[in-house]
Amino acid sequence: MDAILERSHALKQALVDFVLDAEGELAQALESYAAEHLRRSGGDSTQRNLITNSFITEGKVGDKSPLELFIASHPDLSESDRHLLTNWERSFIGLFAITEILPDGVELMNWLTAKHYIAKPNNSQTLQEISRLKVGEILLTSISPITDSYWLFSDTYTIMGKLGKPKLAVAIGNFKDNYKSYLYRDAPELLAEAWHSVEQYHHQFVDFFGSDEITLPGYQLNKKIAEFQEILLQKSLEAAGIDPTKSLAEVAAAAGLGEEEINAVAQEAGADSEEVAQIFKNKSKMVAPKVDLPGELKKAEQVTALSHPRWGQIFLPTYSKIKTILSAEDWQSVEGGEKLIRYYLEDNSINAFIWERLAQEYPTSLEKVLQTYLKRPELSLTSDLDALLQEFHKPLKPELPEIASVPIHLHNLFQEALGEVNKSKPKNKGQKNPAKGFK
């Protein structure tokens, strides 16, 4: 074990002790950070350790991270120690596949970005443990940069074993839900492209529907969304230089491309890989992938679709009802009014964007409703809304929405996983998508 790796062990232990032994603002910040993240990811010891590691670089005490506070409180650190610690700002949690077992570590592939890393533990116990791991096993862990050629393998990790595609899809979907801030952390270009796709989707939504808000019966909205998705697919194909009115065989012949190349472009545009292969074989016309609302929304009397360039697309079967409540002279006389207000406050699906939109459209009535329901007569929407949303655990800034584009390798994985699930499920029985968020 080289000297810098050995030194990282002492520094990491001192850093963790500094955070866990802290009092005052730092201790309060850790408590709040841990409470929020444990609510998402559960509370076993591995998760708690990962959250502590995450807090060191992600948490804030005022405008500084705990890592910055540690460096500032240790003026005797050498220049090399400071450089190493500062580099740990780039640490991240990931879902990794083991691609090779090395004498002093492992080679990992981050499943979210397909990037590869050499990672080495800084203690003999962890080195002995990972020597028993197998190529192909999936790990949830964090890594931190040591040099330009290798990273520190954390001694906190979860072994998920070798996963088939459906289970891997579920694991990635769960990672997306529990570690949103680490999506594409090591590939900022992918993150930027994903956010750009959300903005583009919003503009296309408004162009198609004529507004950023539309309310229809569920079955009608499902049809309109399918039409919208088909137009998006055609535009994607045209942007890629593919004529959507021609068969794949005709396109391939005209462009001098092979079936695999056409298949890759069509998949990137959102088509199912098996569907594309069948189209090519039959020389039939290109078709858009089937897009459905969840079954309960298809049957809903009314569903409102809302679009935002950052918050993405949201479907709400209760939006008309909440507007009715806020438009009523006596909101408490509206049947189910209190129950719906509680739902909008407590349910994670009702995000800050929805509340800010309602506050803008119904500032007076929403304020009165909240004053009455919460028994806070002094509550002011203007000054108290953000604090109220945080009280009910609603992030004030958007996280990457479900409609964001995903790297082609993830798209392919989830299509293949869905195909395997559909082949194995009994006929005429519904099956949920195995990986929420990546479609």
Protein backbone atom coordinates (compact mmCIF):
# COMPACT_ATOMS: atom_id res chain seq x y z
CA MET A 1 0.00 0.00 0.00
CA ASP A 2 1.53 3.30 -1.08
CA ALA A 3 2.11 6.18 1.31
CA ILE A 4 -0.69 8.44 0.06
CA LEU A 5 -3.24 5.62 0.44
CA GLU A 6 -2.05 4.94 3.96
CA ARG A 7 -2.26 8.65 4.77
CA SER A 8 -5.81 8.74 3.42
CA HIS A 9 -6.83 6.21 6.09
CA ALA A 10 -5.73 8.49 8.95
CA LEU A 11 -7.22 11.57 7.33
CA LYS A 12 -10.55 9.89 6.63
CA GLN A 13 -10.84 8.65 10.20
CA ALA A 14 -9.99 12.10 11.59
CA LEU A 15 -12.54 13.68 9.26
CA VAL A 16 -15.33 11.29 10.27
CA ASP A 17 -14.52 11.75 13.97
CA PHE A 18 -14.56 15.53 13.50
CA VAL A 19 -18.11 15.33 12.12
CA LEU A 20 -19.51 12.74 14.55
CA ASP A 21 -17.99 14.40 17.65
CA ALA A 22 -19.10 17.88 16.66
CA GLU A 23 -21.48 20.03 18.66
CA GLY A 24 -23.50 23.13 17.85
CA GLU A 25 -24.34 24.06 14.27
CA LEU A 26 -22.38 21.21 12.70
CA ALA A 27 -24.15 18.61 14.85
CA GLN A 28 -27.54 20.14 14.05
CA ALA A 29 -26.74 20.18 10.33
CA LEU A 30 -25.78 16.49 10.43
CA GLU A 31 -28.95 15.60 12.32
CA SER A 32 -31.16 17.42 9.78
CA TYR A 33 -29.26 15.99 6.81
CA ALA A 34 -29.43 12.44 8.16
CA ALA A 35 -33.14 12.70 8.99
CA GLU A 36 -33.97 13.82 5.47
CA HIS A 37 -31.89 11.17 3.72
CA LEU A 38 -32.81 8.29 6.03
CA ARG A 39 -36.45 9.05 5.27
CA ARG A 40 -35.67 8.18 1.66
CA SER A 41 -33.19 5.35 1.85
CA GLY A 42 -33.92 3.51 5.12
CA GLY A 43 -31.86 3.28 8.27
CA ASP A 44 -29.48 0.33 8.34
CA SER A 45 -25.88 0.87 9.41
CA THR A 46 -24.54 0.90 5.84
CA GLN A 47 -27.01 3.58 4.82
CA ARG A 48 -26.17 5.66 7.89
CA ASN A 49 -22.45 5.44 7.14
CA LEU A 50 -23.02 6.36 3.48
CA ILE A 51 -25.10 9.34 4.61
CA THR A 52 -22.33 10.47 6.97
CA ASN A 53 -19.80 10.21 4.14
CA SER A 54 -22.16 12.13 1.88
CA PHE A 55 -22.74 14.83 4.50
CA ILE A 56 -18.99 15.50 4.71
CA THR A 57 -18.97 16.91 1.17
CA GLU A 58 -22.66 17.63 0.48
CA GLY A 59 -23.82 19.06 3.79
CA LYS A 60 -23.72 22.75 4.61
CA VAL A 61 -23.09 24.71 7.77
CA GLY A 62 -23.74 28.22 6.65
CA ASP A 63 -22.00 28.41 3.28
CA LYS A 64 -19.28 25.84 4.05
CA SER A 65 -19.18 22.06 3.84
CA PRO A 66 -18.00 19.98 6.84
CA LEU A 67 -14.92 19.11 4.79
CA GLU A 68 -14.07 22.80 4.41
CA LEU A 69 -14.64 23.32 8.14
CA PHE A 70 -12.29 20.44 8.93
CA ILE A 71 -9.52 21.89 6.76
CA ALA A 72 -10.00 25.35 8.26
CA SER A 73 -9.83 23.98 11.81
CA HIS A 74 -6.54 22.11 11.15
CA PRO A 75 -3.99 24.76 10.11
CA ASP A 76 -1.14 22.29 10.68
CA LEU A 77 -2.15 20.11 7.72
CA SER A 78 0.57 19.68 5.10
CA GLU A 79 0.07 20.93 1.57
CA SER A 80 -0.30 17.36 0.31
CA ASP A 81 -2.94 16.64 2.96
CA ARG A 82 -4.89 19.75 1.97
CA HIS A 83 -4.71 18.80 -1.69
CA LEU A 84 -5.98 15.29 -0.97
CA LEU A 85 -8.81 16.52 1.22
CA THR A 86 -9.87 19.19 -1.26
CA ASN A 87 -10.02 16.54 -3.99
CA TRP A 88 -12.51 14.62 -1.87
CA GLU A 89 -15.10 17.23 -2.80
CA ARG A 90 -15.42 15.06 -5.93
CA SER A 91 -16.36 11.97 -3.92
CA PHE A 92 -19.63 10.37 -4.94
CA ILE A 93 -21.96 7.48 -4.17
CA GLY A 94 -22.62 5.14 -7.06
CA LEU A 95 -24.05 1.81 -8.12
CA PHE A 96 -21.04 -0.04 -9.48
CA ALA A 97 -20.42 -3.30 -11.32
CA ILE A 98 -17.15 -5.09 -10.58
CA THR A 99 -15.32 -5.55 -13.88
CA GLU A 100 -12.03 -6.89 -12.50
CA ILE A 101 -10.53 -8.01 -9.18
CA LEU A 102 -7.04 -6.54 -8.70
CA PRO A 103 -4.33 -7.53 -6.19
CA ASP A 104 -4.81 -4.24 -4.34
CA GLY A 105 -8.36 -3.29 -5.26
CA VAL A 106 -11.06 -3.55 -7.91
CA GLU A 107 -11.98 -2.07 -11.25
CA LEU A 108 -15.52 -0.70 -11.18
CA MET A 109 -18.03 0.54 -13.73
CA ASN A 110 -20.54 3.16 -12.62
CA TRP A 111 -23.81 1.83 -14.00
CA LEU A 112 -25.31 5.32 -14.24
CA THR A 113 -22.61 6.70 -16.55
CA ALA A 114 -20.70 3.61 -17.79
CA LYS A 115 -17.43 5.19 -16.59
CA HIS A 116 -14.67 2.94 -15.23
CA TYR A 117 -12.54 3.41 -12.10
CA ILE A 118 -9.67 1.70 -10.32
CA ALA A 119 -10.57 1.76 -6.61
CA LYS A 120 -8.36 0.66 -3.73
CA PRO A 121 -9.17 0.29 -0.02
CA ASN A 122 -6.90 2.00 2.50
CA ASN A 123 -6.98 -0.75 5.13
CA SER A 124 -6.13 -4.46 5.14
CA GLN A 125 -9.52 -5.60 6.44
CA THR A 126 -11.46 -4.09 3.53
CA LEU A 127 -8.83 -5.35 1.08
CA GLN A 128 -9.31 -8.87 2.40
CA GLU A 129 -13.09 -8.53 2.16
CA ILE A 130 -13.16 -7.34 -1.45
CA SER A 131 -10.73 -10.06 -2.52
CA ARG A 132 -13.67 -12.43 -2.06
CA LEU A 133 -15.94 -10.47 -4.40
CA LYS A 134 -16.73 -11.71 -7.90
CA VAL A 135 -16.62 -10.03 -11.30
CA GLY A 136 -20.14 -8.99 -12.27
CA GLU A 137 -21.35 -8.34 -8.73
CA ILE A 138 -23.11 -5.04 -8.06
CA LEU A 139 -22.04 -2.75 -5.22
CA LEU A 140 -23.56 0.34 -3.67
CA THR A 141 -20.67 2.38 -2.30
CA SER A 142 -18.81 5.65 -2.48
CA ILE A 143 -15.41 6.38 -4.01
CA SER A 144 -13.05 9.32 -3.49
CA PRO A 145 -10.17 10.50 -5.68
CA ILE A 146 -6.64 9.69 -4.44
CA THR A 147 -4.48 10.24 -7.52
CA ASP A 148 -5.13 10.75 -11.22
CA SER A 149 -5.03 6.99 -11.74
CA TYR A 150 -7.06 5.52 -8.87
CA TRP A 151 -9.74 6.25 -6.26
CA LEU A 152 -10.34 5.30 -2.63
CA PHE A 153 -12.73 2.38 -2.17
CA SER A 154 -14.93 3.10 0.83
CA ASP A 155 -15.07 0.60 3.68
CA THR A 156 -18.86 1.16 3.65
CA TYR A 157 -20.61 -0.76 0.90
CA THR A 158 -23.57 -3.00 0.14
CA ILE A 159 -23.08 -6.15 -1.95
CA MET A 160 -26.10 -6.80 -4.17
CA GLY A 161 -24.66 -9.83 -5.92
CA LYS A 162 -24.99 -10.64 -9.60
CA LEU A 163 -28.30 -9.20 -10.78
CA GLY A 164 -30.35 -10.12 -13.80
CA LYS A 165 -31.57 -7.25 -15.95
CA PRO A 166 -34.97 -6.81 -14.26
CA LYS A 167 -33.42 -6.73 -10.76
CA LEU A 168 -30.63 -4.46 -11.93
CA ALA A 169 -33.23 -2.13 -13.42
CA VAL A 170 -35.01 -2.03 -10.06
CA ALA A 171 -31.71 -1.35 -8.25
CA ILE A 172 -30.92 1.57 -10.57
CA GLY A 173 -34.46 2.91 -10.18
CA ASN A 174 -34.09 2.74 -6.39
CA PHE A 175 -30.70 4.46 -6.59
CA LYS A 176 -32.28 7.21 -8.65
CA ASP A 177 -34.96 7.70 -5.98
CA ASN A 178 -32.64 7.53 -2.96
CA TYR A 179 -29.53 9.32 -4.25
CA LYS A 180 -30.87 11.94 -6.63
CA SER A 181 -27.98 14.33 -6.03
CA TYR A 182 -25.53 11.71 -7.29
CA LEU A 183 -27.17 11.07 -10.66
CA TYR A 184 -24.46 11.50 -13.33
CA ARG A 185 -22.21 13.11 -10.70
CA ASP A 186 -19.11 11.93 -12.57
CA ALA A 187 -20.49 12.94 -15.98
CA PRO A 188 -21.62 16.58 -15.86
CA GLU A 189 -22.12 16.56 -19.62
CA LEU A 190 -24.81 13.86 -19.23
CA LEU A 191 -26.46 15.80 -16.42
CA ALA A 192 -26.51 18.98 -18.51
CA GLU A 193 -28.00 17.09 -21.44
CA ALA A 194 -30.64 15.53 -19.20
CA TRP A 195 -31.70 18.93 -17.84
CA HIS A 196 -31.73 20.35 -21.36
CA SER A 197 -34.06 17.56 -22.46
CA VAL A 198 -36.54 18.54 -19.71
CA GLU A 199 -36.56 22.12 -20.95
CA GLN A 200 -37.01 20.99 -24.56
CA TYR A 201 -39.83 18.65 -23.55
CA HIS A 202 -41.60 21.55 -21.83
CA HIS A 203 -41.40 23.78 -24.89
CA GLN A 204 -42.67 20.96 -27.10
CA PHE A 205 -45.49 20.28 -24.63
CA VAL A 206 -46.60 23.91 -24.78
CA ASP A 207 -46.35 23.94 -28.58
CA PHE A 208 -48.51 20.82 -28.86
CA PHE A 209 -51.16 21.58 -26.21
CA GLY A 210 -51.11 25.38 -26.50
CA SER A 211 -50.55 25.75 -22.76
CA ASP A 212 -48.44 24.38 -19.92
CA GLU A 213 -51.64 23.04 -18.32
CA ILE A 214 -54.35 20.82 -19.78
CA THR A 215 -57.24 18.99 -18.09
CA LEU A 216 -59.09 16.13 -19.78
CA PRO A 217 -60.78 12.86 -18.86
CA GLY A 218 -58.07 10.31 -18.21
CA TYR A 219 -58.69 8.19 -21.31
CA GLN A 220 -58.67 11.28 -23.57
CA LEU A 221 -55.50 12.65 -22.00
CA ASN A 222 -53.84 9.26 -22.51
CA LYS A 223 -54.63 9.44 -26.23
CA LYS A 224 -53.34 13.02 -26.49
CA ILE A 225 -50.11 12.14 -24.67
CA ALA A 226 -49.62 9.22 -27.06
CA GLU A 227 -50.09 11.58 -30.03
CA PHE A 228 -47.64 14.01 -28.46
CA GLN A 229 -45.05 11.28 -27.92
CA GLU A 230 -45.43 10.13 -31.52
CA ILE A 231 -44.70 13.64 -32.77
CA LEU A 232 -41.64 13.82 -30.51
CA LEU A 233 -40.40 10.52 -31.92
CA GLN A 234 -40.87 11.72 -35.51
CA LYS A 235 -39.00 14.94 -34.74
CA SER A 236 -36.16 12.95 -33.14
CA LEU A 237 -35.90 10.70 -36.18
CA GLU A 238 -35.96 13.67 -38.56
CA ALA A 239 -33.26 15.40 -36.51
CA ALA A 240 -31.20 12.23 -36.87
CA GLY A 241 -31.68 12.32 -40.64
CA ILE A 242 -34.22 9.50 -40.75
CA ASP A 243 -37.42 9.84 -42.80
CA PRO A 244 -40.19 8.49 -40.51
CA THR A 245 -42.47 7.81 -43.49
CA LYS A 246 -40.11 5.13 -44.81
CA SER A 247 -39.47 1.65 -43.53
CA LEU A 248 -36.27 0.90 -41.69
CA ALA A 249 -35.10 -1.23 -44.62
CA GLU A 250 -35.65 1.70 -47.01
CA VAL A 251 -33.86 4.09 -44.69
CA ALA A 252 -30.95 1.73 -44.29
CA ALA A 253 -30.60 1.24 -48.04
CA ALA A 254 -30.78 4.98 -48.77
CA ALA A 255 -28.31 5.94 -46.04
CA GLY A 256 -25.91 3.07 -46.53
CA LEU A 257 -26.38 2.08 -42.90
CA GLY A 258 -26.65 -1.35 -41.32
CA GLU A 259 -29.51 -2.67 -39.24
CA GLU A 260 -27.58 -2.19 -35.98
CA GLU A 261 -26.92 1.48 -36.70
CA ILE A 262 -30.56 2.20 -37.55
CA ASN A 263 -31.61 0.21 -34.51
CA ALA A 264 -29.35 2.30 -32.26
CA VAL A 265 -30.74 5.60 -33.58
CA ALA A 266 -34.33 4.42 -33.23
CA GLN A 267 -33.69 3.22 -29.66
CA GLU A 268 -32.13 6.55 -28.73
CA ALA A 269 -35.30 8.21 -30.03
CA GLY A 270 -37.31 6.08 -27.62
CA ALA A 271 -38.37 2.98 -29.55
CA ASP A 272 -38.35 -0.49 -28.05
CA SER A 273 -35.43 -2.57 -29.32
CA GLU A 274 -37.50 -5.67 -30.05
CA GLU A 275 -40.15 -3.55 -31.73
CA VAL A 276 -37.52 -1.91 -33.94
CA ALA A 277 -36.02 -5.27 -34.90
CA GLN A 278 -39.45 -6.58 -35.87
CA ILE A 279 -40.17 -3.49 -37.96
CA PHE A 280 -36.90 -3.94 -39.78
CA LYS A 281 -37.62 -7.60 -40.42
CA ASN A 282 -41.12 -6.94 -41.74
CA LYS A 283 -40.12 -3.82 -43.68
CA SER A 284 -43.14 -2.03 -42.22
CA LYS A 285 -43.41 1.64 -41.28
CA MET A 286 -41.77 3.10 -38.25
CA VAL A 287 -44.01 3.36 -35.19
CA ALA A 288 -43.76 5.42 -32.04
CA PRO A 289 -43.36 3.52 -28.74
CA LYS A 290 -46.56 2.97 -26.83
CA VAL A 291 -47.01 5.52 -24.02
CA ASP A 292 -49.68 5.00 -21.38
CA LEU A 293 -50.80 6.83 -18.29
CA PRO A 294 -50.99 4.61 -15.21
CA GLY A 295 -54.23 2.62 -15.13
CA GLU A 296 -55.77 4.62 -12.28
CA LEU A 297 -55.26 7.86 -14.19
CA LYS A 298 -56.76 6.47 -17.42
CA LYS A 299 -59.96 5.81 -15.51
CA ALA A 300 -60.00 9.16 -13.71
CA GLU A 301 -62.85 11.53 -14.46
CA GLN A 302 -60.39 14.39 -14.90
CA VAL A 303 -56.61 14.51 -15.01
CA THR A 304 -54.52 17.67 -15.24
CA ALA A 305 -51.16 17.55 -16.99
CA LEU A 306 -48.77 20.31 -15.94
CA SER A 307 -45.41 21.05 -17.52
CA HIS A 308 -42.45 23.10 -16.29
CA PRO A 309 -38.98 23.58 -17.81
CA ARG A 310 -37.32 22.42 -14.58
CA TRP A 311 -39.90 20.46 -12.58
CA GLY A 312 -40.90 18.44 -15.62
CA GLN A 313 -44.32 16.91 -16.27
CA ILE A 314 -46.84 16.18 -13.53
CA PHE A 315 -50.20 14.37 -13.78
CA LEU A 316 -52.78 15.17 -11.08
CA PRO A 317 -56.33 13.76 -10.89
CA THR A 318 -57.06 16.15 -7.99
CA TYR A 319 -55.98 19.49 -9.45
CA SER A 320 -59.49 20.52 -10.53
CA LYS A 321 -60.78 19.67 -7.05
CA ILE A 322 -58.11 21.74 -5.29
CA LYS A 323 -59.02 24.66 -7.56
CA THR A 324 -62.68 24.20 -6.62
CA ILE A 325 -61.73 24.37 -2.95
CA LEU A 326 -59.69 27.53 -3.45
CA SER A 327 -62.48 29.14 -5.50
CA ALA A 328 -65.25 28.41 -2.98
CA GLU A 329 -66.63 31.08 -0.67
CA ASP A 330 -66.57 28.55 2.18
CA TRP A 331 -63.87 25.98 1.42
CA GLN A 332 -64.81 23.86 4.44
CA SER A 333 -68.22 23.23 2.88
CA VAL A 334 -66.57 21.43 -0.05
CA GLU A 335 -66.79 17.67 0.51
CA GLY A 336 -63.37 16.16 1.20
CA GLY A 337 -61.77 19.60 1.39
CA GLU A 338 -59.72 19.07 4.55
CA LYS A 339 -58.59 15.63 3.43
CA LEU A 340 -57.33 17.03 0.12
CA ILE A 341 -55.50 19.92 1.79
CA ARG A 342 -53.77 17.42 4.07
CA TYR A 343 -52.87 15.30 1.04
CA TYR A 344 -51.36 18.28 -0.78
CA LEU A 345 -49.29 19.12 2.27
CA GLU A 346 -48.08 15.62 3.11
CA ASP A 347 -47.80 13.67 -0.15
CA ASN A 348 -44.43 13.72 -1.92
CA SER A 349 -46.03 13.89 -5.36
CA ILE A 350 -47.33 17.41 -4.65
CA ASN A 351 -44.11 19.37 -5.02
CA ALA A 352 -43.13 22.98 -4.45
CA PHE A 353 -43.94 23.87 -8.08
CA ILE A 354 -47.60 22.94 -7.53
CA TRP A 355 -47.79 24.97 -4.33
CA GLU A 356 -46.10 27.99 -5.89
CA ARG A 357 -48.47 27.82 -8.85
CA LEU A 358 -51.52 27.70 -6.58
CA ALA A 359 -50.12 30.55 -4.48
CA GLN A 360 -49.73 32.65 -7.60
CA GLU A 361 -53.25 31.92 -8.89
CA TYR A 362 -55.10 31.95 -5.55
CA PRO A 363 -52.96 34.01 -3.15
CA THR A 364 -55.75 35.23 -0.86
CA SER A 365 -57.86 32.10 -0.65
CA LEU A 366 -54.90 29.72 -0.29
CA GLU A 367 -53.55 31.82 2.56
CA LYS A 368 -56.92 31.72 4.34
CA VAL A 369 -57.27 27.97 3.79
CA LEU A 370 -53.84 27.32 5.30
CA GLN A 371 -54.45 29.71 8.21
CA THR A 372 -57.64 27.81 9.06
CA TYR A 373 -56.44 24.27 8.42
CA LEU A 374 -53.09 24.69 10.23
CA LYS A 375 -54.61 26.92 12.95
CA ARG A 376 -51.99 29.57 12.21
CA PRO A 377 -53.90 32.84 11.81
CA GLU A 378 -50.68 34.82 11.36
CA LEU A 379 -49.40 32.70 8.47
CA SER A 380 -48.41 34.73 5.40
CA LEU A 381 -47.92 33.10 2.00
CA THR A 382 -45.52 35.86 1.00
CA SER A 383 -43.10 35.29 3.86
CA ASP A 384 -43.91 31.77 5.15
CA LEU A 385 -44.53 29.54 2.10
CA ASP A 386 -40.96 28.33 1.67
CA ALA A 387 -40.62 27.50 5.36
CA LEU A 388 -43.97 25.69 5.28
CA LEU A 389 -42.93 23.57 2.30
CA GLN A 390 -39.68 22.65 4.03
CA GLU A 391 -41.61 21.77 7.19
CA PHE A 392 -43.51 19.21 5.11
CA HIS A 393 -40.28 17.94 3.52
CA LYS A 394 -40.85 19.41 0.06
CA PRO A 395 -37.60 20.40 -1.68
CA LEU A 396 -37.62 24.01 -2.91
CA LYS A 397 -35.43 23.18 -5.90
CA PRO A 398 -36.34 20.57 -8.51
CA GLU A 399 -34.56 17.27 -8.82
CA LEU A 400 -34.06 15.73 -12.23
CA PRO A 401 -37.60 14.78 -13.39
CA GLU A 402 -38.80 11.45 -14.71
CA ILE A 403 -39.07 12.75 -18.29
CA ALA A 404 -35.36 13.58 -18.54
CA SER A 405 -33.40 11.76 -21.20
CA VAL A 406 -31.16 8.91 -20.08
CA PRO A 407 -27.90 7.53 -21.53
CA ILE A 408 -28.48 4.96 -24.27
CA HIS A 409 -26.95 2.13 -22.23
CA LEU A 410 -29.54 2.72 -19.49
CA HIS A 411 -32.35 2.99 -22.00
CA ASN A 412 -31.30 -0.32 -23.54
CA LEU A 413 -31.05 -1.99 -20.13
CA PHE A 414 -34.54 -0.95 -19.11
CA GLN A 415 -36.08 -1.93 -22.43
CA GLU A 416 -34.46 -5.36 -22.18
CA ALA A 417 -35.52 -5.70 -18.54
CA LEU A 418 -39.12 -4.81 -19.40
CA GLY A 419 -39.01 -7.32 -22.27
CA GLU A 420 -37.88 -10.09 -19.91
CA VAL A 421 -40.61 -9.23 -17.41
CA ASN A 422 -43.28 -9.18 -20.12
CA LYS A 423 -42.17 -12.59 -21.40
CA SER A 424 -42.36 -14.14 -17.94
CA LYS A 425 -45.61 -12.62 -16.67
CA PRO A 426 -48.97 -14.42 -17.09
CA LYS A 427 -51.07 -13.21 -19.99
CA ASN A 428 -53.86 -10.69 -19.39
CA LYS A 429 -52.35 -9.59 -16.09
CA GLY A 430 -50.91 -6.11 -15.58
CA GLN A 431 -47.27 -5.60 -14.75
CA LYS A 432 -45.68 -2.43 -13.55
CA ASN A 433 -42.59 -1.08 -15.21
CA PRO A 434 -39.70 -2.66 -13.25
CA ALA A 435 -37.82 0.58 -12.99
CA LYS A 436 -39.69 3.75 -12.16
CA GLY A 437 -38.20 6.79 -13.81
CA PHE A 438 -36.07 5.20 -16.54
CA LYS A 439 -38.19 4.30 -19.54
